[in-house]
Amino acid sequence: MKKALITGIAAAIIASAAGAGAVIGTKGWTADDYASSPTVQTAVLKQGSKGGEVKEVQRRLKQWGYYNGSVDGVYGAQTIEAVKKFQRKNGLTADGICGRSTYVALGMNESANALGKGNSGQSQSSASSSNYTNSDLYLLAKCIYAEARGESYTGQVAVGAVILNRVASSAFPNTVAGVIYQQHAFTAVSDGQINLEPDKTAMNAASDALNGWDPTYGCLYYYNPAVATSSWIFGRKTVTTIGKHVFAI
């Protein structure tokens, strides 16, 4: 996903907002929120690096318990130590430098791809993430909010990942809108909750899913066994359970 995916929204909204603090678009979001949202400005990150991509690395490390400092976009000593801990945990060289392998482990596949352009090992699914639009991001966030707002952050990213896995599968429509609005595919579409405005958490979850984080390991289905009524879904092979949702293939 290129930087324009989110900053394109920001530009349009900021232009029409009465001021930088005006509430806009999605629930609780301001023009400043959109402008500072996770974006991809790819570079190898090391001591002294600054910017939005550093913030995204810090945000993920903090969410996963590796980092306790401020998400300030400054690649300082605390960030370096957090990256080293993460690298050791994931079997990487613990040098504190965020390069291609560390981006991949963080789920920031678009950043990894940008660093690895020209490599034959670049995956088609990751490379295609740059084809998504601002509208895809927003619609994905709406579906995540409608379907999974009571779930953990990882659970919300997982719902977004299932939608994107369907887009990539020949068994489903090949667009985000096509998948979400496929007949009887999502309860939130049937009962109208898809029309609710997503919150900031859902927007971030959609961004993470678009950047390649897939907590479901490629699943195409999910369901809540406490409320599911279709016997067919129970026959799918379970891969993982996150919160109330079972994820299957």
C-alpha atoms as a PDB file:
ATOM      1  CA  MET A   1       0.000   0.000   0.000  1.00  0.00           C
ATOM      2  CA  LYS A   2       1.533   3.289  -1.065  1.00  0.00           C
ATOM      3  CA  LYS A   3       1.558   6.413   1.041  1.00  0.00           C
ATOM      4  CA  ALA A   4      -1.169   7.858  -1.165  1.00  0.00           C
ATOM      5  CA  LEU A   5      -3.643   5.281   0.116  1.00  0.00           C
ATOM      6  CA  ILE A   6      -4.224   7.243   3.290  1.00  0.00           C
ATOM      7  CA  THR A   7      -2.760  10.630   2.492  1.00  0.00           C
ATOM      8  CA  GLY A   8      -5.090  10.838  -0.496  1.00  0.00           C
ATOM      9  CA  ILE A   9      -7.984  10.821   1.940  1.00  0.00           C
ATOM     10  CA  ALA A  10      -6.201  13.302   4.155  1.00  0.00           C
ATOM     11  CA  ALA A  11      -5.633  15.785   1.364  1.00  0.00           C
ATOM     12  CA  ALA A  12      -9.269  15.849   0.334  1.00  0.00           C
ATOM     13  CA  ILE A  13     -10.510  16.143   3.893  1.00  0.00           C
ATOM     14  CA  ILE A  14      -7.992  18.691   5.063  1.00  0.00           C
ATOM     15  CA  ALA A  15      -8.863  20.893   2.117  1.00  0.00           C
ATOM     16  CA  SER A  16     -12.507  21.014   3.151  1.00  0.00           C
ATOM     17  CA  ALA A  17     -12.086  21.047   6.933  1.00  0.00           C
ATOM     18  CA  ALA A  18     -12.642  24.341   8.688  1.00  0.00           C
ATOM     19  CA  GLY A  19      -9.510  23.828  10.728  1.00  0.00           C
ATOM     20  CA  ALA A  20      -6.894  21.238  11.532  1.00  0.00           C
ATOM     21  CA  GLY A  21      -8.912  20.029  14.523  1.00  0.00           C
ATOM     22  CA  ALA A  22     -12.258  19.725  12.764  1.00  0.00           C
ATOM     23  CA  VAL A  23     -13.941  16.356  13.154  1.00  0.00           C
ATOM     24  CA  ILE A  24     -14.311  14.682   9.787  1.00  0.00           C
ATOM     25  CA  GLY A  25     -15.218  11.513   7.930  1.00  0.00           C
ATOM     26  CA  THR A  26     -15.105   8.655  10.376  1.00  0.00           C
ATOM     27  CA  LYS A  27     -16.204   8.745  13.980  1.00  0.00           C
ATOM     28  CA  GLY A  28     -13.750  10.656  16.179  1.00  0.00           C
ATOM     29  CA  TRP A  29     -11.212  11.199  13.375  1.00  0.00           C
ATOM     30  CA  THR A  30      -9.754  14.617  12.629  1.00  0.00           C
ATOM     31  CA  ALA A  31      -7.775  15.929   9.695  1.00  0.00           C
ATOM     32  CA  ASP A  32      -4.641  15.522  11.811  1.00  0.00           C
ATOM     33  CA  ASP A  33      -5.531  11.876  12.502  1.00  0.00           C
ATOM     34  CA  TYR A  34      -5.725  11.103   8.809  1.00  0.00           C
ATOM     35  CA  ALA A  35      -2.505  12.943   8.067  1.00  0.00           C
ATOM     36  CA  SER A  36      -0.636  11.011  10.780  1.00  0.00           C
ATOM     37  CA  SER A  37      -2.175   7.605  10.062  1.00  0.00           C
ATOM     38  CA  PRO A  38       0.057   4.599   9.260  1.00  0.00           C
ATOM     39  CA  THR A  39       1.669   5.156   5.892  1.00  0.00           C
ATOM     40  CA  VAL A  40       4.509   3.647   3.948  1.00  0.00           C
ATOM     41  CA  GLN A  41       7.552   5.801   3.222  1.00  0.00           C
ATOM     42  CA  THR A  42      10.040   3.025   2.857  1.00  0.00           C
ATOM     43  CA  ALA A  43      13.640   3.197   4.038  1.00  0.00           C
ATOM     44  CA  VAL A  44      15.945   1.097   6.187  1.00  0.00           C
ATOM     45  CA  LEU A  45      15.293   2.441   9.695  1.00  0.00           C
ATOM     46  CA  LYS A  46      18.156   2.948  12.127  1.00  0.00           C
ATOM     47  CA  GLN A  47      19.446   5.333  14.808  1.00  0.00           C
ATOM     48  CA  GLY A  48      18.242   8.855  13.987  1.00  0.00           C
ATOM     49  CA  SER A  49      15.546   7.885  11.460  1.00  0.00           C
ATOM     50  CA  LYS A  50      12.332   9.895  11.770  1.00  0.00           C
ATOM     51  CA  GLY A  51       8.853   9.909  10.257  1.00  0.00           C
ATOM     52  CA  GLY A  52       5.592   8.083   9.816  1.00  0.00           C
ATOM     53  CA  GLU A  53       7.137   4.720   9.088  1.00  0.00           C
ATOM     54  CA  VAL A  54       9.056   4.825  12.370  1.00  0.00           C
ATOM     55  CA  LYS A  55       5.751   5.545  14.101  1.00  0.00           C
ATOM     56  CA  GLU A  56       4.194   2.492  12.486  1.00  0.00           C
ATOM     57  CA  VAL A  57       7.051   0.259  13.647  1.00  0.00           C
ATOM     58  CA  GLN A  58       6.772   1.721  17.165  1.00  0.00           C
ATOM     59  CA  ARG A  59       3.000   1.265  17.184  1.00  0.00           C
ATOM     60  CA  ARG A  60       3.243  -2.418  16.275  1.00  0.00           C
ATOM     61  CA  LEU A  61       6.048  -3.114  18.731  1.00  0.00           C
ATOM     62  CA  LYS A  62       4.134  -1.351  21.502  1.00  0.00           C
ATOM     63  CA  GLN A  63       0.945  -3.228  20.696  1.00  0.00           C
ATOM     64  CA  TRP A  64       2.812  -6.539  20.901  1.00  0.00           C
ATOM     65  CA  GLY A  65       4.606  -5.711  24.159  1.00  0.00           C
ATOM     66  CA  TYR A  66       8.141  -5.029  22.923  1.00  0.00           C
ATOM     67  CA  TYR A  67       8.154  -1.260  23.264  1.00  0.00           C
ATOM     68  CA  ASN A  68       7.111   0.967  26.175  1.00  0.00           C
ATOM     69  CA  GLY A  69       8.135   4.367  24.874  1.00  0.00           C
ATOM     70  CA  SER A  70       6.222   7.081  23.061  1.00  0.00           C
ATOM     71  CA  VAL A  71       5.048   6.576  19.496  1.00  0.00           C
ATOM     72  CA  ASP A  72       6.834   9.728  18.410  1.00  0.00           C
ATOM     73  CA  GLY A  73       8.368   8.777  15.071  1.00  0.00           C
ATOM     74  CA  VAL A  74      11.940   9.050  16.370  1.00  0.00           C
ATOM     75  CA  TYR A  75      14.165   5.971  16.031  1.00  0.00           C
ATOM     76  CA  GLY A  76      16.077   6.315  19.277  1.00  0.00           C
ATOM     77  CA  ALA A  77      17.633   4.031  21.885  1.00  0.00           C
ATOM     78  CA  GLN A  78      14.327   2.648  23.202  1.00  0.00           C
ATOM     79  CA  THR A  79      13.113   1.814  19.712  1.00  0.00           C
ATOM     80  CA  ILE A  80      16.409   0.131  18.858  1.00  0.00           C
ATOM     81  CA  GLU A  81      16.222  -2.065  21.962  1.00  0.00           C
ATOM     82  CA  ALA A  82      12.593  -2.951  21.203  1.00  0.00           C
ATOM     83  CA  VAL A  83      13.524  -3.906  17.634  1.00  0.00           C
ATOM     84  CA  LYS A  84      16.387  -6.067  18.952  1.00  0.00           C
ATOM     85  CA  LYS A  85      13.997  -7.902  21.297  1.00  0.00           C
ATOM     86  CA  PHE A  86      11.575  -8.451  18.440  1.00  0.00           C
ATOM     87  CA  GLN A  87      14.350  -9.652  16.142  1.00  0.00           C
ATOM     88  CA  ARG A  88      15.653 -12.146  18.708  1.00  0.00           C
ATOM     89  CA  LYS A  89      12.134 -13.462  19.291  1.00  0.00           C
ATOM     90  CA  ASN A  90      11.688 -13.990  15.547  1.00  0.00           C
ATOM     91  CA  GLY A  91      15.082 -15.579  14.836  1.00  0.00           C
ATOM     92  CA  LEU A  92      16.530 -12.538  13.072  1.00  0.00           C
ATOM     93  CA  THR A  93      19.919 -10.869  13.462  1.00  0.00           C
ATOM     94  CA  ALA A  94      19.448  -8.625  16.494  1.00  0.00           C
ATOM     95  CA  ASP A  95      21.121  -5.489  15.149  1.00  0.00           C
ATOM     96  CA  GLY A  96      18.314  -3.042  15.965  1.00  0.00           C
ATOM     97  CA  ILE A  97      18.062  -2.010  12.314  1.00  0.00           C
ATOM     98  CA  CYS A  98      14.681  -2.335  10.609  1.00  0.00           C
ATOM     99  CA  GLY A  99      15.343  -3.660   7.127  1.00  0.00           C
ATOM    100  CA  ARG A 100      13.499  -5.982   4.773  1.00  0.00           C
ATOM    101  CA  SER A 101      13.461  -9.121   6.976  1.00  0.00           C
ATOM    102  CA  THR A 102      12.282  -7.174  10.017  1.00  0.00           C
ATOM    103  CA  TYR A 103       9.563  -5.455   7.975  1.00  0.00           C
ATOM    104  CA  VAL A 104       8.316  -8.887   6.860  1.00  0.00           C
ATOM    105  CA  ALA A 105       8.282 -10.184  10.449  1.00  0.00           C
ATOM    106  CA  LEU A 106       6.352  -7.073  11.512  1.00  0.00           C
ATOM    107  CA  GLY A 107       3.758  -7.705   8.806  1.00  0.00           C
ATOM    108  CA  MET A 108       4.787  -4.562   6.926  1.00  0.00           C
ATOM    109  CA  ASN A 109       5.040  -6.387   3.619  1.00  0.00           C
ATOM    110  CA  GLU A 110       4.621  -3.348   1.400  1.00  0.00           C
ATOM    111  CA  SER A 111       7.611  -1.744   3.082  1.00  0.00           C
ATOM    112  CA  ALA A 112       9.598  -4.946   2.594  1.00  0.00           C
ATOM    113  CA  ASN A 113       8.601  -5.097  -1.069  1.00  0.00           C
ATOM    114  CA  ALA A 114       9.630  -1.500  -1.681  1.00  0.00           C
ATOM    115  CA  LEU A 115      13.076  -2.290  -0.296  1.00  0.00           C
ATOM    116  CA  GLY A 116      13.246  -5.511  -2.282  1.00  0.00           C
ATOM    117  CA  LYS A 117      12.108  -4.275  -5.699  1.00  0.00           C
ATOM    118  CA  GLY A 118      13.680  -6.317  -8.428  1.00  0.00           C
ATOM    119  CA  ASN A 119      14.009  -9.426  -6.256  1.00  0.00           C
ATOM    120  CA  SER A 120      12.499 -12.522  -7.817  1.00  0.00           C
ATOM    121  CA  GLY A 121      11.236 -13.584  -4.405  1.00  0.00           C
ATOM    122  CA  GLN A 122       8.682 -10.778  -4.169  1.00  0.00           C
ATOM    123  CA  SER A 123       5.284 -12.315  -3.633  1.00  0.00           C
ATOM    124  CA  GLN A 124       2.422 -11.491  -5.953  1.00  0.00           C
ATOM    125  CA  SER A 125      -0.060 -11.035  -3.123  1.00  0.00           C
ATOM    126  CA  SER A 126       2.109  -8.479  -1.344  1.00  0.00           C
ATOM    127  CA  ALA A 127       2.944  -6.620  -4.521  1.00  0.00           C
ATOM    128  CA  SER A 128      -0.716  -6.319  -5.438  1.00  0.00           C
ATOM    129  CA  SER A 129      -1.574  -4.467  -2.201  1.00  0.00           C
ATOM    130  CA  SER A 130      -0.606  -1.211  -3.934  1.00  0.00           C
ATOM    131  CA  ASN A 131      -3.660  -1.673  -6.163  1.00  0.00           C
ATOM    132  CA  TYR A 132      -6.058  -0.926  -3.310  1.00  0.00           C
ATOM    133  CA  THR A 133      -7.668   2.504  -3.166  1.00  0.00           C
ATOM    134  CA  ASN A 134      -8.783   4.951  -0.488  1.00  0.00           C
ATOM    135  CA  SER A 135     -12.326   3.660  -0.987  1.00  0.00           C
ATOM    136  CA  ASP A 136     -11.146   0.088  -0.379  1.00  0.00           C
ATOM    137  CA  LEU A 137      -9.488   1.143   2.879  1.00  0.00           C
ATOM    138  CA  TYR A 138     -12.613   2.908   4.094  1.00  0.00           C
ATOM    139  CA  LEU A 139     -15.013   0.122   3.084  1.00  0.00           C
ATOM    140  CA  LEU A 140     -12.751  -2.510   4.658  1.00  0.00           C
ATOM    141  CA  ALA A 141     -12.715  -0.491   7.899  1.00  0.00           C
ATOM    142  CA  LYS A 142     -16.507  -0.227   7.810  1.00  0.00           C
ATOM    143  CA  CYS A 143     -16.879  -3.991   7.480  1.00  0.00           C
ATOM    144  CA  ILE A 144     -14.328  -4.627  10.247  1.00  0.00           C
ATOM    145  CA  TYR A 145     -16.169  -2.216  12.554  1.00  0.00           C
ATOM    146  CA  ALA A 146     -19.563  -3.693  11.737  1.00  0.00           C
ATOM    147  CA  GLU A 147     -18.461  -7.321  12.047  1.00  0.00           C
ATOM    148  CA  ALA A 148     -15.850  -7.235  14.802  1.00  0.00           C
ATOM    149  CA  ARG A 149     -15.843  -4.032  16.844  1.00  0.00           C
ATOM    150  CA  GLY A 150     -16.205  -6.066  20.058  1.00  0.00           C
ATOM    151  CA  GLU A 151     -13.138  -8.157  19.260  1.00  0.00           C
ATOM    152  CA  SER A 152      -9.488  -7.553  20.131  1.00  0.00           C
ATOM    153  CA  TYR A 153      -7.337  -5.522  17.769  1.00  0.00           C
ATOM    154  CA  THR A 154      -5.805  -8.707  16.363  1.00  0.00           C
ATOM    155  CA  GLY A 155      -9.310 -10.101  15.899  1.00  0.00           C
ATOM    156  CA  GLN A 156     -10.307  -7.032  13.912  1.00  0.00           C
ATOM    157  CA  VAL A 157      -7.234  -7.270  11.674  1.00  0.00           C
ATOM    158  CA  ALA A 158      -8.084 -10.962  11.186  1.00  0.00           C
ATOM    159  CA  VAL A 159     -11.540 -10.128   9.812  1.00  0.00           C
ATOM    160  CA  GLY A 160      -9.958  -7.666   7.391  1.00  0.00           C
ATOM    161  CA  ALA A 161      -7.417 -10.297   6.358  1.00  0.00           C
ATOM    162  CA  VAL A 162     -10.168 -12.812   5.539  1.00  0.00           C
ATOM    163  CA  ILE A 163     -11.813 -10.259   3.257  1.00  0.00           C
ATOM    164  CA  LEU A 164      -8.517  -9.604   1.458  1.00  0.00           C
ATOM    165  CA  ASN A 165      -7.801 -13.342   1.213  1.00  0.00           C
ATOM    166  CA  ARG A 166     -11.125 -13.711  -0.555  1.00  0.00           C
ATOM    167  CA  VAL A 167     -10.231 -10.908  -2.954  1.00  0.00           C
ATOM    168  CA  ALA A 168      -7.078 -12.851  -3.836  1.00  0.00           C
ATOM    169  CA  SER A 169      -8.955 -16.162  -4.237  1.00  0.00           C
ATOM    170  CA  SER A 170     -10.431 -17.221  -7.572  1.00  0.00           C
ATOM    171  CA  ALA A 171     -13.437 -18.585  -5.669  1.00  0.00           C
ATOM    172  CA  PHE A 172     -14.629 -15.084  -4.714  1.00  0.00           C
ATOM    173  CA  PRO A 173     -15.095 -11.656  -6.333  1.00  0.00           C
ATOM    174  CA  ASN A 174     -11.799  -9.918  -7.004  1.00  0.00           C
ATOM    175  CA  THR A 175     -12.561  -6.564  -5.366  1.00  0.00           C
ATOM    176  CA  VAL A 176     -13.078  -5.494  -1.760  1.00  0.00           C
ATOM    177  CA  ALA A 177     -16.570  -4.204  -2.545  1.00  0.00           C
ATOM    178  CA  GLY A 178     -17.408  -7.368  -4.480  1.00  0.00           C
ATOM    179  CA  VAL A 179     -16.430  -9.584  -1.559  1.00  0.00           C
ATOM    180  CA  ILE A 180     -18.154  -7.520   1.104  1.00  0.00           C
ATOM    181  CA  TYR A 181     -21.400  -7.099  -0.822  1.00  0.00           C
ATOM    182  CA  GLN A 182     -21.554 -10.662  -2.137  1.00  0.00           C
ATOM    183  CA  GLN A 183     -25.024 -11.954  -1.330  1.00  0.00           C
ATOM    184  CA  HIS A 184     -25.328 -13.482   2.158  1.00  0.00           C
ATOM    185  CA  ALA A 185     -21.567 -13.204   2.741  1.00  0.00           C
ATOM    186  CA  PHE A 186     -21.626 -10.935   5.800  1.00  0.00           C
ATOM    187  CA  THR A 187     -24.293 -10.507   8.467  1.00  0.00           C
ATOM    188  CA  ALA A 188     -23.353  -6.849   8.872  1.00  0.00           C
ATOM    189  CA  VAL A 189     -24.391  -6.170   5.280  1.00  0.00           C
ATOM    190  CA  SER A 190     -27.684  -8.020   5.679  1.00  0.00           C
ATOM    191  CA  ASP A 191     -28.677  -6.197   8.876  1.00  0.00           C
ATOM    192  CA  GLY A 192     -27.399  -2.772   7.807  1.00  0.00           C
ATOM    193  CA  GLN A 193     -24.541  -2.404  10.289  1.00  0.00           C
ATOM    194  CA  ILE A 194     -22.182  -1.947   7.350  1.00  0.00           C
ATOM    195  CA  ASN A 195     -23.515   1.622   7.223  1.00  0.00           C
ATOM    196  CA  LEU A 196     -22.052   2.479  10.650  1.00  0.00           C
ATOM    197  CA  GLU A 197     -19.041   4.800  10.674  1.00  0.00           C
ATOM    198  CA  PRO A 198     -15.803   2.993  11.569  1.00  0.00           C
ATOM    199  CA  ASP A 199     -13.699   4.213  14.470  1.00  0.00           C
ATOM    200  CA  LYS A 200      -9.963   4.836  14.518  1.00  0.00           C
ATOM    201  CA  THR A 201      -9.215   1.291  15.684  1.00  0.00           C
ATOM    202  CA  ALA A 202     -11.050  -0.179  12.704  1.00  0.00           C
ATOM    203  CA  MET A 203      -9.214   2.179  10.344  1.00  0.00           C
ATOM    204  CA  ASN A 204      -5.865   1.090  11.770  1.00  0.00           C
ATOM    205  CA  ALA A 205      -6.900  -2.569  11.564  1.00  0.00           C
ATOM    206  CA  ALA A 206      -7.834  -2.123   7.907  1.00  0.00           C
ATOM    207  CA  SER A 207      -4.483  -0.464   7.245  1.00  0.00           C
ATOM    208  CA  ASP A 208      -2.612  -3.314   8.930  1.00  0.00           C
ATOM    209  CA  ALA A 209      -4.535  -5.898   6.905  1.00  0.00           C
ATOM    210  CA  LEU A 210      -3.797  -4.026   3.680  1.00  0.00           C
ATOM    211  CA  ASN A 211      -0.125  -3.867   4.655  1.00  0.00           C
ATOM    212  CA  GLY A 212      -0.055  -7.661   4.813  1.00  0.00           C
ATOM    213  CA  TRP A 213      -0.662  -8.643   8.443  1.00  0.00           C
ATOM    214  CA  ASP A 214      -2.727 -11.848   8.375  1.00  0.00           C
ATOM    215  CA  PRO A 215      -3.312 -13.362  11.846  1.00  0.00           C
ATOM    216  CA  THR A 216      -5.454 -16.078  10.186  1.00  0.00           C
ATOM    217  CA  TYR A 217      -2.670 -17.566   8.045  1.00  0.00           C
ATOM    218  CA  GLY A 218      -4.680 -17.387   4.835  1.00  0.00           C
ATOM    219  CA  CYS A 219      -8.195 -18.206   6.032  1.00  0.00           C
ATOM    220  CA  LEU A 220     -11.225 -17.560   3.827  1.00  0.00           C
ATOM    221  CA  TYR A 221     -13.938 -17.977   6.455  1.00  0.00           C
ATOM    222  CA  TYR A 222     -14.719 -17.023  10.039  1.00  0.00           C
ATOM    223  CA  TYR A 223     -17.712 -17.552  12.274  1.00  0.00           C
ATOM    224  CA  ASN A 224     -18.918 -17.265  15.843  1.00  0.00           C
ATOM    225  CA  PRO A 225     -19.866 -20.813  16.907  1.00  0.00           C
ATOM    226  CA  ALA A 226     -22.232 -19.425  19.542  1.00  0.00           C
ATOM    227  CA  VAL A 227     -24.506 -17.826  16.954  1.00  0.00           C
ATOM    228  CA  ALA A 228     -23.712 -19.531  13.622  1.00  0.00           C
ATOM    229  CA  THR A 229     -26.739 -21.318  12.151  1.00  0.00           C
ATOM    230  CA  SER A 230     -25.276 -22.876   9.004  1.00  0.00           C
ATOM    231  CA  SER A 231     -24.137 -26.468   9.502  1.00  0.00           C
ATOM    232  CA  TRP A 232     -21.973 -26.085   6.401  1.00  0.00           C
ATOM    233  CA  ILE A 233     -19.552 -23.705   8.074  1.00  0.00           C
ATOM    234  CA  PHE A 234     -18.807 -26.158  10.881  1.00  0.00           C
ATOM    235  CA  GLY A 235     -17.358 -28.526   8.294  1.00  0.00           C
ATOM    236  CA  ARG A 236     -14.589 -26.124   7.290  1.00  0.00           C
ATOM    237  CA  LYS A 237     -11.086 -26.880   8.584  1.00  0.00           C
ATOM    238  CA  THR A 238     -10.287 -24.715  11.609  1.00  0.00           C
ATOM    239  CA  VAL A 239      -6.936 -22.916  11.495  1.00  0.00           C
ATOM    240  CA  THR A 240      -7.114 -20.663  14.537  1.00  0.00           C
ATOM    241  CA  THR A 241      -9.498 -19.068  17.030  1.00  0.00           C
ATOM    242  CA  ILE A 242      -9.226 -15.390  17.920  1.00  0.00           C
ATOM    243  CA  GLY A 243     -11.680 -14.109  20.505  1.00  0.00           C
ATOM    244  CA  LYS A 244     -15.181 -15.279  19.650  1.00  0.00           C
ATOM    245  CA  HIS A 245     -14.363 -16.048  16.029  1.00  0.00           C
ATOM    246  CA  VAL A 246     -13.189 -19.332  14.559  1.00  0.00           C
ATOM    247  CA  PHE A 247     -11.124 -18.870  11.385  1.00  0.00           C
ATOM    248  CA  ALA A 248     -11.185 -21.608   8.789  1.00  0.00           C
ATOM    249  CA  ILE A 249     -10.267 -22.588   5.237  1.00  0.00           C
END
